[in-house]
Amino acid sequence: MTNIAEPCDIYAGVDTHADTHHAAVIDQNGKHLADAQFPTTPAGYVALTAFILMYGILVRVGIEGTSSYGAGLTRHLTSFGHHVIEVIRPNRQLRRMSGKSDPIDAYAAAKTALTETKQPTPKSGDGTVEQIRYLFAARRSAIKARTAAQVQLKSLLVTAPSLLRERFRNVTDAALVADLADFDIRPYPEHQGIVIALRALARRHRYISTEIHTLDQELETLTKHTNPALTAAHGVGTVTAAQLLITAGDNSDRLRSEAAFAALCGVSPIPASSGKTTRHRLNRGGDRHANSALHRIALVRMSHEPRTRAYVEKKRAEGRNNKEIIRCLKRAIAREVFTLLTKNVEVPRVDDLRPFRQALGITLQQVAEHFNVWLTKISRLERGLTRDDQLAQAYREWLETSAPKS
């Protein structure tokens, strides 16, 4: 009677490239079983998966470049329920010691899948956040292109003929672009080439500005739909919210804890103590774009939010300098943002306040005088442009008491 061996646990690693992926399989003892190369096509992903499963029960797959060349394969494997982890590229010193080739890198990724259980979980890239990432990338490049056009336009004006240079010497940037975009070249036949070049740059600037406006509208719609609580938080605009959503990914449950999220954003404190000095310094690692987003929130709140301003004064009284205060503040904001990204936080409703007020025949001026605030603050609160839960609740209760009793 033939004994049929039970399937063993296996681990796989994939070295990814633009046109091909190289897969390697090892057993639970680290023994090399097989490796092969597959094309980066849907059929190639199916063949690669079947190749791995030939050797046993798949426990984990380590993929290098899950957000670039390996994104398609990662989505394919996770759609079938396989556990995929992101493999960080080994440092150059280790590569010099062991050499480099596709099979070597694939087996190294498989060994990482076997031995490292706390590697990052890759982003799924299959929801609205992936759409936000594409829009955000297009917006970022458009901003750079518009800036380049404006810089080049103003640089060319410096060396332009005196007649043109003096005409646009004291105008604002917006007026400069608007005037040059519709500039008539006929009065300047001797400088026709110069005028055409300046007009082309101005029209490019105007076209890109329209493109950026369209992208901003799409981003605003998607970010509010994806996480309304995040976009409603104080100091979080559309661009900032989009960046934080991109950092978290569609599968925000991959963020293990708020401390891990703080480390991901580069705001976790780094010990920098020595001798009698006990202190922490800024973390210069992590996702710097997410770090920049948290920094913008901190600056806005330091300028406009009473709670944050009181916190800053308290830290300053303790002898903290501005860098240390901002570091502490960004860490606290990261804790709040983590909650907004990973939990369903209900946003207080405000869209019914204006119709309610108008039905009672109460003017904005009366509301502003009652609460002793600027009229624009009440207007922005009603339109959802400014979030102030305490004021909104007090405003609602006042309207309810002002309503006639039936």
Protein backbone atom coordinates (compact mmCIF):
# COMPACT_ATOMS: atom_id res chain seq x y z
CA MET A 1 0.00 0.00 0.00
CA THR A 2 1.41 3.39 -1.01
CA ASN A 3 1.72 6.03 1.69
CA ILE A 4 0.50 9.43 0.52
CA ALA A 5 2.49 12.21 2.13
CA GLU A 6 0.46 14.98 3.71
CA PRO A 7 0.96 18.41 2.12
CA CYS A 8 3.41 20.54 4.05
CA ASP A 9 3.31 24.22 4.86
CA ILE A 10 5.15 26.35 2.33
CA TYR A 11 6.24 29.96 2.02
CA ALA A 12 6.73 31.88 -1.19
CA GLY A 13 8.65 34.95 -2.27
CA VAL A 14 8.35 37.03 -5.43
CA ASP A 15 10.87 39.38 -6.99
CA THR A 16 8.84 41.78 -9.12
CA HIS A 17 9.70 43.58 -12.35
CA ALA A 18 7.76 45.48 -15.00
CA ASP A 19 7.40 42.56 -17.44
CA THR A 20 8.19 39.46 -15.37
CA HIS A 21 7.89 38.15 -11.81
CA HIS A 22 10.23 35.54 -10.38
CA ALA A 23 8.65 33.30 -7.74
CA ALA A 24 10.43 30.98 -5.29
CA VAL A 25 9.03 28.42 -2.85
CA ILE A 26 10.54 27.09 0.40
CA ASP A 27 9.25 24.70 3.03
CA GLN A 28 8.77 25.38 6.75
CA ASN A 29 12.43 24.47 7.37
CA GLY A 30 13.71 26.97 4.80
CA LYS A 31 14.61 24.33 2.20
CA HIS A 32 14.54 25.59 -1.39
CA LEU A 33 11.85 23.74 -3.33
CA ALA A 34 11.55 25.48 -6.70
CA ASP A 35 11.62 28.80 -8.51
CA ALA A 36 10.32 29.99 -11.87
CA GLN A 37 9.62 33.13 -13.88
CA PHE A 38 6.18 34.31 -15.06
CA PRO A 39 4.87 37.21 -17.17
CA THR A 40 3.04 40.12 -15.53
CA THR A 41 -0.30 39.36 -17.14
CA PRO A 42 -3.57 37.98 -15.69
CA ALA A 43 -2.68 34.59 -17.12
CA GLY A 44 0.79 34.89 -15.63
CA TYR A 45 -0.66 35.63 -12.19
CA VAL A 46 -2.83 32.51 -12.42
CA ALA A 47 0.13 30.37 -13.51
CA LEU A 48 2.33 31.77 -10.73
CA THR A 49 -0.32 31.00 -8.09
CA ALA A 50 -0.79 27.45 -9.42
CA PHE A 51 3.00 26.94 -9.43
CA ILE A 52 3.26 27.89 -5.75
CA LEU A 53 0.29 25.76 -4.66
CA MET A 54 1.81 22.67 -6.33
CA TYR A 55 4.21 22.30 -3.40
CA GLY A 56 1.90 22.43 -0.41
CA ILE A 57 -0.30 24.64 1.74
CA LEU A 58 0.63 28.27 1.30
CA VAL A 59 1.06 30.13 4.60
CA ARG A 60 2.48 33.49 3.50
CA VAL A 61 3.79 35.21 0.40
CA GLY A 62 6.47 37.87 0.58
CA ILE A 63 6.41 40.33 -2.30
CA GLU A 64 8.93 43.09 -2.97
CA GLY A 65 7.25 46.20 -4.37
CA THR A 66 3.60 45.62 -3.47
CA SER A 67 2.75 49.23 -4.34
CA SER A 68 4.61 49.33 -7.65
CA TYR A 69 5.52 46.41 -9.92
CA GLY A 70 3.88 43.89 -7.57
CA ALA A 71 0.55 45.71 -7.16
CA GLY A 72 -1.34 43.58 -9.68
CA LEU A 73 -0.04 40.30 -8.27
CA THR A 74 -0.79 41.46 -4.72
CA ARG A 75 -4.42 42.17 -5.64
CA HIS A 76 -4.69 38.79 -7.38
CA LEU A 77 -3.34 36.81 -4.42
CA THR A 78 -5.33 38.67 -1.77
CA SER A 79 -8.54 38.23 -3.78
CA PHE A 80 -8.10 34.47 -3.27
CA GLY A 81 -7.51 34.87 0.46
CA HIS A 82 -3.73 34.37 0.52
CA HIS A 83 -1.73 36.19 3.17
CA VAL A 84 0.62 38.66 1.49
CA ILE A 85 3.28 40.67 3.31
CA GLU A 86 5.45 43.48 2.00
CA VAL A 87 9.16 42.70 1.82
CA ILE A 88 11.52 45.58 2.38
CA ARG A 89 14.46 45.56 0.00
CA PRO A 90 17.62 44.37 1.81
CA ASN A 91 20.37 46.91 2.32
CA ARG A 92 23.23 47.14 -0.14
CA GLN A 93 25.78 45.63 2.22
CA LEU A 94 23.83 42.38 2.50
CA ARG A 95 23.33 42.28 -1.26
CA ARG A 96 27.04 42.70 -1.85
CA MET A 97 27.76 39.77 0.48
CA SER A 98 25.30 37.32 -1.09
CA GLY A 99 25.11 38.61 -4.66
CA LYS A 100 22.01 39.56 -6.59
CA SER A 101 19.81 37.81 -9.13
CA ASP A 102 16.10 37.23 -9.57
CA PRO A 103 16.18 33.73 -7.94
CA ILE A 104 18.32 35.02 -5.05
CA ASP A 105 15.95 37.92 -4.41
CA ALA A 106 12.88 35.67 -4.68
CA TYR A 107 14.28 33.15 -2.18
CA ALA A 108 15.24 36.03 0.13
CA ALA A 109 11.64 37.27 0.00
CA ALA A 110 10.39 33.75 0.76
CA LYS A 111 12.75 33.51 3.74
CA THR A 112 11.41 36.84 5.00
CA ALA A 113 7.86 35.48 4.72
CA LEU A 114 8.97 32.48 6.80
CA THR A 115 10.88 34.25 9.57
CA GLU A 116 9.36 37.74 9.80
CA THR A 117 5.78 37.75 11.09
CA LYS A 118 5.48 41.51 11.65
CA GLN A 119 6.21 42.77 8.15
CA PRO A 120 3.87 45.48 6.81
CA THR A 121 0.58 44.41 5.31
CA PRO A 122 0.35 45.83 1.77
CA LYS A 123 -2.37 48.22 0.67
CA SER A 124 -5.20 46.50 -1.13
CA GLY A 125 -5.52 49.21 -3.79
CA ASP A 126 -9.05 48.19 -4.76
CA GLY A 127 -11.27 50.98 -3.41
CA THR A 128 -11.92 54.70 -3.54
CA VAL A 129 -8.61 55.51 -1.86
CA GLU A 130 -6.81 54.13 -4.92
CA GLN A 131 -8.86 56.54 -7.05
CA ILE A 132 -7.86 59.35 -4.69
CA ARG A 133 -4.21 58.35 -5.09
CA TYR A 134 -4.42 58.66 -8.87
CA LEU A 135 -6.16 62.04 -8.69
CA PHE A 136 -3.64 63.23 -6.10
CA ALA A 137 -0.70 62.20 -8.28
CA ALA A 138 -2.20 64.06 -11.26
CA ARG A 139 -2.80 67.13 -9.11
CA ARG A 140 0.74 67.13 -7.73
CA SER A 141 2.28 67.03 -11.21
CA ALA A 142 -0.12 69.74 -12.39
CA ILE A 143 0.93 71.99 -9.51
CA LYS A 144 4.58 71.53 -10.47
CA ALA A 145 3.84 72.25 -14.14
CA ARG A 146 1.88 75.41 -13.30
CA THR A 147 4.66 76.64 -11.02
CA ALA A 148 7.24 75.98 -13.73
CA ALA A 149 5.17 77.91 -16.28
CA GLN A 150 4.79 80.88 -13.95
CA VAL A 151 8.48 80.96 -13.03
CA GLN A 152 9.49 80.77 -16.69
CA LEU A 153 6.98 83.47 -17.65
CA LYS A 154 8.31 85.93 -15.06
CA SER A 155 11.92 85.06 -15.90
CA LEU A 156 11.39 85.80 -19.59
CA LEU A 157 9.76 89.13 -18.76
CA VAL A 158 12.97 90.20 -16.99
CA THR A 159 14.84 90.17 -20.30
CA ALA A 160 11.88 91.20 -22.48
CA PRO A 161 11.94 94.49 -24.44
CA SER A 162 11.42 97.55 -22.25
CA LEU A 163 7.98 98.27 -23.72
CA LEU A 164 6.66 94.88 -22.59
CA ARG A 165 8.59 94.80 -19.33
CA GLU A 166 7.31 98.20 -18.18
CA ARG A 167 3.73 97.36 -19.11
CA PHE A 168 3.66 94.37 -16.75
CA ARG A 169 6.08 95.59 -14.09
CA ASN A 170 3.64 96.28 -11.23
CA VAL A 171 0.76 93.89 -11.98
CA THR A 172 -0.14 90.95 -9.77
CA ASP A 173 0.59 87.38 -10.82
CA ALA A 174 -3.10 86.68 -11.52
CA ALA A 175 -3.45 89.82 -13.65
CA LEU A 176 -0.21 89.03 -15.46
CA VAL A 177 -1.46 85.61 -16.55
CA ALA A 178 -4.92 86.90 -17.46
CA ASP A 179 -3.58 89.82 -19.54
CA LEU A 180 -0.90 87.83 -21.36
CA ALA A 181 -3.21 84.88 -22.13
CA ASP A 182 -5.41 87.20 -24.24
CA PHE A 183 -2.65 89.52 -25.41
CA ASP A 184 -2.92 90.97 -28.91
CA ILE A 185 0.32 90.53 -30.87
CA ARG A 186 -0.59 92.95 -33.68
CA PRO A 187 0.73 96.14 -32.00
CA TYR A 188 4.14 94.48 -31.59
CA PRO A 189 5.13 93.13 -35.05
CA GLU A 190 8.83 93.62 -34.29
CA HIS A 191 8.53 91.44 -31.14
CA GLN A 192 6.07 88.88 -32.46
CA GLY A 193 8.07 85.79 -31.37
CA ILE A 194 8.52 87.10 -27.84
CA VAL A 195 4.84 87.95 -27.45
CA ILE A 196 3.74 84.54 -28.81
CA ALA A 197 6.05 82.76 -26.32
CA LEU A 198 4.77 84.78 -23.37
CA ARG A 199 1.17 84.25 -24.44
CA ALA A 200 1.73 80.50 -24.79
CA LEU A 201 3.11 80.26 -21.23
CA ALA A 202 0.20 82.31 -19.86
CA ARG A 203 -2.34 80.11 -21.63
CA ARG A 204 -0.57 77.01 -20.35
CA HIS A 205 -0.80 78.41 -16.82
CA ARG A 206 -4.52 79.14 -17.24
CA TYR A 207 -5.24 75.70 -18.71
CA ILE A 208 -3.41 73.92 -15.92
CA SER A 209 -5.22 76.04 -13.31
CA THR A 210 -8.53 74.85 -14.75
CA GLU A 211 -7.26 71.27 -14.64
CA ILE A 212 -6.23 71.66 -10.98
CA HIS A 213 -9.65 73.07 -10.12
CA THR A 214 -11.35 70.06 -11.71
CA LEU A 215 -9.07 67.64 -9.85
CA ASP A 216 -9.73 69.47 -6.56
CA GLN A 217 -13.48 69.09 -7.06
CA GLU A 218 -13.14 65.36 -7.71
CA LEU A 219 -10.84 64.96 -4.70
CA GLU A 220 -13.27 66.82 -2.46
CA THR A 221 -16.16 64.60 -3.53
CA LEU A 222 -14.22 61.36 -3.04
CA THR A 223 -12.60 62.29 0.29
CA LYS A 224 -15.91 63.37 1.81
CA HIS A 225 -17.56 60.17 0.57
CA THR A 226 -14.72 57.97 1.83
CA ASN A 227 -14.26 59.48 5.29
CA PRO A 228 -16.56 62.39 6.18
CA ALA A 229 -15.29 62.50 9.77
CA LEU A 230 -11.71 63.08 8.64
CA THR A 231 -12.61 65.90 6.24
CA ALA A 232 -14.75 67.50 8.96
CA ALA A 233 -11.90 67.55 11.51
CA HIS A 234 -10.51 70.97 12.37
CA GLY A 235 -7.59 71.99 10.16
CA VAL A 236 -8.02 69.09 7.71
CA GLY A 237 -8.61 70.28 4.16
CA THR A 238 -9.25 68.25 1.06
CA VAL A 239 -5.60 67.85 0.08
CA THR A 240 -4.53 67.00 3.62
CA ALA A 241 -7.32 64.44 4.02
CA ALA A 242 -6.47 62.89 0.66
CA GLN A 243 -2.82 62.42 1.65
CA LEU A 244 -3.72 60.81 4.99
CA LEU A 245 -6.17 58.45 3.29
CA ILE A 246 -3.50 57.48 0.76
CA THR A 247 -1.04 56.76 3.57
CA ALA A 248 -3.56 54.50 5.32
CA GLY A 249 -4.79 52.78 2.15
CA ASP A 250 -8.16 51.23 1.37
CA ASN A 251 -7.59 48.57 4.03
CA SER A 252 -6.94 50.85 7.00
CA ASP A 253 -7.22 47.83 9.31
CA ARG A 254 -3.62 47.06 8.30
CA LEU A 255 -2.61 49.80 10.77
CA ARG A 256 -1.98 47.74 13.89
CA SER A 257 -2.05 50.56 16.44
CA GLU A 258 -1.91 54.32 16.75
CA ALA A 259 1.75 54.01 17.72
CA ALA A 260 2.42 52.13 14.47
CA PHE A 261 0.56 54.84 12.54
CA ALA A 262 2.63 57.53 14.26
CA ALA A 263 5.81 55.69 13.24
CA LEU A 264 4.48 55.36 9.69
CA CYS A 265 3.95 59.14 9.55
CA GLY A 266 7.35 59.87 11.10
CA VAL A 267 5.95 61.56 14.23
CA SER A 268 6.88 58.97 16.83
CA PRO A 269 9.39 60.45 19.29
CA ILE A 270 12.99 59.26 18.99
CA PRO A 271 14.99 59.10 22.27
CA ALA A 272 17.91 61.55 22.17
CA SER A 273 19.02 61.47 25.80
CA SER A 274 22.60 61.57 26.96
CA GLY A 275 24.07 61.88 30.45
CA LYS A 276 21.94 64.27 32.51
CA THR A 277 19.94 65.39 29.49
CA THR A 278 16.63 63.62 28.90
CA ARG A 279 14.83 64.56 25.71
CA HIS A 280 13.34 63.31 22.45
CA ARG A 281 13.94 64.55 18.94
CA LEU A 282 12.02 64.70 15.70
CA ASN A 283 11.62 61.48 13.72
CA ARG A 284 13.00 62.00 10.21
CA GLY A 285 11.77 58.65 8.89
CA GLY A 286 8.36 57.41 7.78
CA ASP A 287 6.10 58.77 5.05
CA ARG A 288 7.22 62.38 4.67
CA HIS A 289 4.10 63.36 2.72
CA ALA A 290 1.93 62.18 5.64
CA ASN A 291 4.28 63.98 8.01
CA SER A 292 3.79 67.17 6.01
CA ALA A 293 0.01 66.74 6.17
CA LEU A 294 0.12 66.44 9.97
CA HIS A 295 2.42 69.47 10.10
CA ARG A 296 -0.14 71.55 8.16
CA ILE A 297 -2.89 70.51 10.57
CA ALA A 298 -0.69 71.48 13.51
CA LEU A 299 0.05 74.94 12.09
CA VAL A 300 -3.62 75.63 11.36
CA ARG A 301 -4.70 74.56 14.83
CA MET A 302 -1.93 76.55 16.50
CA SER A 303 -3.26 79.65 14.75
CA HIS A 304 -7.03 79.20 15.05
CA GLU A 305 -8.08 76.52 17.56
CA PRO A 306 -8.37 77.68 21.21
CA ARG A 307 -7.75 74.19 22.62
CA THR A 308 -4.50 73.82 20.68
CA ARG A 309 -3.36 77.34 21.56
CA ALA A 310 -3.86 76.56 25.24
CA TYR A 311 -1.85 73.36 24.79
CA VAL A 312 0.98 75.31 23.12
CA GLU A 313 1.07 77.84 25.97
CA LYS A 314 1.19 75.03 28.52
CA LYS A 315 4.14 73.37 26.75
CA ARG A 316 5.92 76.70 26.36
CA ALA A 317 5.53 77.32 30.12
CA GLU A 318 7.24 73.95 30.67
CA GLY A 319 10.29 75.25 28.81
CA ARG A 320 9.67 73.53 25.45
CA ASN A 321 10.85 75.27 22.28
CA ASN A 322 8.74 75.53 19.12
CA LYS A 323 10.21 72.41 17.48
CA GLU A 324 9.48 70.30 20.54
CA ILE A 325 5.96 71.73 20.86
CA ILE A 326 5.17 70.96 17.21
CA ARG A 327 6.62 67.45 17.63
CA CYS A 328 4.35 66.80 20.62
CA LEU A 329 1.37 68.33 18.83
CA LYS A 330 1.87 66.25 15.68
CA ARG A 331 2.03 63.12 17.82
CA ALA A 332 -1.29 64.03 19.45
CA ILE A 333 -2.86 64.80 16.07
CA ALA A 334 -1.65 61.43 14.73
CA ARG A 335 -3.53 59.76 17.58
CA GLU A 336 -6.73 61.59 16.62
CA VAL A 337 -6.29 60.92 12.90
CA PHE A 338 -5.72 57.20 13.57
CA THR A 339 -9.11 57.02 15.26
CA LEU A 340 -10.77 58.82 12.35
CA LEU A 341 -9.12 56.46 9.83
CA THR A 342 -9.87 53.17 11.58
CA LYS A 343 -13.27 53.75 13.21
CA ASN A 344 -16.66 54.94 12.05
CA VAL A 345 -16.89 58.33 13.74
CA GLU A 346 -20.24 60.04 13.41
CA VAL A 347 -20.13 63.65 12.22
CA PRO A 348 -22.74 65.92 13.83
CA ARG A 349 -25.30 67.07 11.29
CA VAL A 350 -25.31 70.79 10.40
CA ASP A 351 -26.95 70.90 6.97
CA ASP A 352 -30.40 71.39 8.55
CA LEU A 353 -29.42 74.43 10.62
CA ARG A 354 -29.86 77.02 7.86
CA PRO A 355 -33.33 75.79 6.71
CA PHE A 356 -34.38 75.60 10.38
CA ARG A 357 -33.23 79.20 11.02
CA GLN A 358 -34.87 80.52 7.86
CA ALA A 359 -38.15 78.80 8.72
CA LEU A 360 -38.13 80.64 12.05
CA GLY A 361 -37.44 83.96 10.33
CA ILE A 362 -34.15 84.46 12.20
CA THR A 363 -31.32 86.30 10.43
CA LEU A 364 -27.63 85.50 10.51
CA GLN A 365 -27.01 88.80 12.23
CA GLN A 366 -29.32 87.85 15.10
CA VAL A 367 -27.56 84.50 15.54
CA ALA A 368 -24.11 86.12 15.48
CA GLU A 369 -25.15 88.71 18.06
CA HIS A 370 -26.66 86.08 20.33
CA PHE A 371 -23.48 83.95 20.38
CA ASN A 372 -21.15 86.96 20.20
CA VAL A 373 -19.25 85.66 17.17
CA TRP A 374 -18.58 86.93 13.67
CA LEU A 375 -21.43 86.56 11.19
CA THR A 376 -19.14 84.68 8.78
CA LYS A 377 -18.46 82.02 11.41
CA ILE A 378 -22.15 81.16 11.65
CA SER A 379 -22.42 81.15 7.85
CA ARG A 380 -19.45 78.83 7.46
CA LEU A 381 -20.78 76.58 10.22
CA GLU A 382 -24.14 76.25 8.46
CA ARG A 383 -22.45 75.39 5.15
CA GLY A 384 -20.17 72.79 6.74
CA LEU A 385 -17.01 74.76 5.93
CA THR A 386 -16.05 75.13 9.61
CA ARG A 387 -16.53 72.49 12.27
CA ASP A 388 -17.34 73.54 15.83
CA ASP A 389 -19.38 70.81 17.53
CA GLN A 390 -19.90 72.80 20.72
CA LEU A 391 -21.19 75.88 18.90
CA ALA A 392 -23.33 73.75 16.56
CA GLN A 393 -24.98 72.01 19.52
CA ALA A 394 -25.62 75.31 21.30
CA TYR A 395 -26.95 76.80 18.06
CA ARG A 396 -29.36 73.90 17.57
CA GLU A 397 -30.64 74.08 21.14
CA TRP A 398 -31.20 77.83 20.79
CA LEU A 399 -33.18 77.36 17.58
CA GLU A 400 -35.29 74.66 19.23
CA THR A 401 -36.11 76.93 22.15
CA SER A 402 -36.94 79.75 19.72
CA ALA A 403 -39.37 77.59 17.75
CA PRO A 404 -43.06 78.15 18.57
CA LYS A 405 -44.58 75.50 20.80
CA SER A 406 -47.43 73.56 19.20
